[in-house]
Amino acid sequence: MISTYVIPIVFLIMIILWLWNKIDQMLVSMGGALISAFSLIVFDFVGFTEIIGLLFGTAENDYLNFHSLLLSLGYNK
């Protein structure tokens, strides 16, 4: 339940840091993802396999999130 408040606040902080260019965008993204995953695991008791399903996708959706993750990491400025 706490994650419902934590994740949007982290998202807004990420947007502000991106706009100010204070920190590298990749570090901001990774930090936001880690904080979000931590809040889901600790506060909402989401299991590790469900977190992996959120990151990579599941067999039901053909691992769509994994394809998006590969496209994001493969992007070159």
C-alpha atoms as a PDB file:
ATOM      1  CA  MET A   1       0.000   0.000   0.000  1.00  0.00           C
ATOM      2  CA  ILE A   2       2.859   2.389   0.751  1.00  0.00           C
ATOM      3  CA  SER A   3       4.254   1.722  -2.724  1.00  0.00           C
ATOM      4  CA  THR A   4       1.210   3.478  -4.170  1.00  0.00           C
ATOM      5  CA  TYR A   5       2.644   6.694  -2.771  1.00  0.00           C
ATOM      6  CA  VAL A   6       6.365   5.960  -3.049  1.00  0.00           C
ATOM      7  CA  ILE A   7       6.496   5.054  -6.748  1.00  0.00           C
ATOM      8  CA  PRO A   8       4.735   8.209  -8.092  1.00  0.00           C
ATOM      9  CA  ILE A   9       6.920  10.402  -5.858  1.00  0.00           C
ATOM     10  CA  VAL A  10      10.050   8.664  -7.167  1.00  0.00           C
ATOM     11  CA  PHE A  11       8.755   9.099 -10.722  1.00  0.00           C
ATOM     12  CA  LEU A  12       8.259  12.848 -10.211  1.00  0.00           C
ATOM     13  CA  ILE A  13      11.726  13.210  -8.692  1.00  0.00           C
ATOM     14  CA  MET A  14      13.172  11.340 -11.684  1.00  0.00           C
ATOM     15  CA  ILE A  15      11.472  13.743 -14.109  1.00  0.00           C
ATOM     16  CA  ILE A  16      12.751  16.770 -12.187  1.00  0.00           C
ATOM     17  CA  LEU A  17      16.316  15.427 -12.163  1.00  0.00           C
ATOM     18  CA  TRP A  18      16.096  14.718 -15.906  1.00  0.00           C
ATOM     19  CA  LEU A  19      14.916  18.247 -16.622  1.00  0.00           C
ATOM     20  CA  TRP A  20      17.661  19.826 -14.515  1.00  0.00           C
ATOM     21  CA  ASN A  21      20.358  17.523 -15.996  1.00  0.00           C
ATOM     22  CA  LYS A  22      21.920  17.194 -12.542  1.00  0.00           C
ATOM     23  CA  ILE A  23      22.618  13.466 -12.839  1.00  0.00           C
ATOM     24  CA  ASP A  24      23.118  11.150 -15.806  1.00  0.00           C
ATOM     25  CA  GLN A  25      19.776   9.899 -17.121  1.00  0.00           C
ATOM     26  CA  MET A  26      20.815   6.250 -16.889  1.00  0.00           C
ATOM     27  CA  LEU A  27      21.701   6.624 -13.198  1.00  0.00           C
ATOM     28  CA  VAL A  28      18.389   8.339 -12.489  1.00  0.00           C
ATOM     29  CA  SER A  29      16.503   5.557 -14.280  1.00  0.00           C
ATOM     30  CA  MET A  30      18.360   2.767 -12.509  1.00  0.00           C
ATOM     31  CA  GLY A  31      17.961   4.465  -9.136  1.00  0.00           C
ATOM     32  CA  GLY A  32      14.231   4.915  -9.679  1.00  0.00           C
ATOM     33  CA  ALA A  33      13.847   1.305 -10.746  1.00  0.00           C
ATOM     34  CA  LEU A  34      15.755   0.031  -7.715  1.00  0.00           C
ATOM     35  CA  ILE A  35      13.781   2.206  -5.294  1.00  0.00           C
ATOM     36  CA  SER A  36      10.506   1.085  -6.884  1.00  0.00           C
ATOM     37  CA  ALA A  37      11.470  -2.597  -6.734  1.00  0.00           C
ATOM     38  CA  PHE A  38      12.651  -2.206  -3.129  1.00  0.00           C
ATOM     39  CA  SER A  39       9.379  -0.572  -2.088  1.00  0.00           C
ATOM     40  CA  LEU A  40       7.363  -3.319  -3.789  1.00  0.00           C
ATOM     41  CA  ILE A  41       9.372  -6.074  -2.105  1.00  0.00           C
ATOM     42  CA  VAL A  42       9.560  -4.554   1.382  1.00  0.00           C
ATOM     43  CA  PHE A  43       6.260  -2.731   1.782  1.00  0.00           C
ATOM     44  CA  ASP A  44       3.868  -4.716  -0.435  1.00  0.00           C
ATOM     45  CA  PHE A  45       5.530  -8.145  -0.023  1.00  0.00           C
ATOM     46  CA  VAL A  46       5.745  -8.763  -3.766  1.00  0.00           C
ATOM     47  CA  GLY A  47       7.806 -11.871  -4.469  1.00  0.00           C
ATOM     48  CA  PHE A  48      11.067 -11.959  -6.379  1.00  0.00           C
ATOM     49  CA  THR A  49       9.542 -13.941  -9.248  1.00  0.00           C
ATOM     50  CA  GLU A  50       6.832 -11.301  -9.672  1.00  0.00           C
ATOM     51  CA  ILE A  51       9.498  -8.567  -9.822  1.00  0.00           C
ATOM     52  CA  ILE A  52      11.344 -10.549 -12.497  1.00  0.00           C
ATOM     53  CA  GLY A  53       8.029 -10.901 -14.339  1.00  0.00           C
ATOM     54  CA  LEU A  54       7.633  -7.121 -14.236  1.00  0.00           C
ATOM     55  CA  LEU A  55      11.158  -6.597 -15.569  1.00  0.00           C
ATOM     56  CA  PHE A  56      11.317  -9.220 -18.289  1.00  0.00           C
ATOM     57  CA  GLY A  57       7.691 -10.074 -18.909  1.00  0.00           C
ATOM     58  CA  THR A  58       6.040 -13.456 -18.721  1.00  0.00           C
ATOM     59  CA  ALA A  59       5.400 -16.280 -21.145  1.00  0.00           C
ATOM     60  CA  GLU A  60       1.788 -15.089 -21.476  1.00  0.00           C
ATOM     61  CA  ASN A  61       2.859 -11.738 -22.955  1.00  0.00           C
ATOM     62  CA  ASP A  62       5.795 -13.190 -24.947  1.00  0.00           C
ATOM     63  CA  TYR A  63       8.372 -11.480 -22.703  1.00  0.00           C
ATOM     64  CA  LEU A  64       7.432  -8.075 -24.099  1.00  0.00           C
ATOM     65  CA  ASN A  65       9.137  -6.151 -21.294  1.00  0.00           C
ATOM     66  CA  PHE A  66      12.418  -7.915 -22.046  1.00  0.00           C
ATOM     67  CA  HIS A  67      12.264  -6.706 -25.646  1.00  0.00           C
ATOM     68  CA  SER A  68      11.649  -3.148 -24.442  1.00  0.00           C
ATOM     69  CA  LEU A  69      14.551  -3.455 -22.013  1.00  0.00           C
ATOM     70  CA  LEU A  70      16.862  -4.608 -24.797  1.00  0.00           C
ATOM     71  CA  LEU A  71      15.783  -1.708 -26.998  1.00  0.00           C
ATOM     72  CA  SER A  72      16.425   0.758 -24.164  1.00  0.00           C
ATOM     73  CA  LEU A  73      19.878  -0.606 -23.429  1.00  0.00           C
ATOM     74  CA  GLY A  74      20.755  -0.750 -27.112  1.00  0.00           C
ATOM     75  CA  TYR A  75      19.959   2.915 -27.675  1.00  0.00           C
ATOM     76  CA  ASN A  76      23.094   4.871 -28.525  1.00  0.00           C
ATOM     77  CA  LYS A  77      23.197   8.659 -28.415  1.00  0.00           C
END
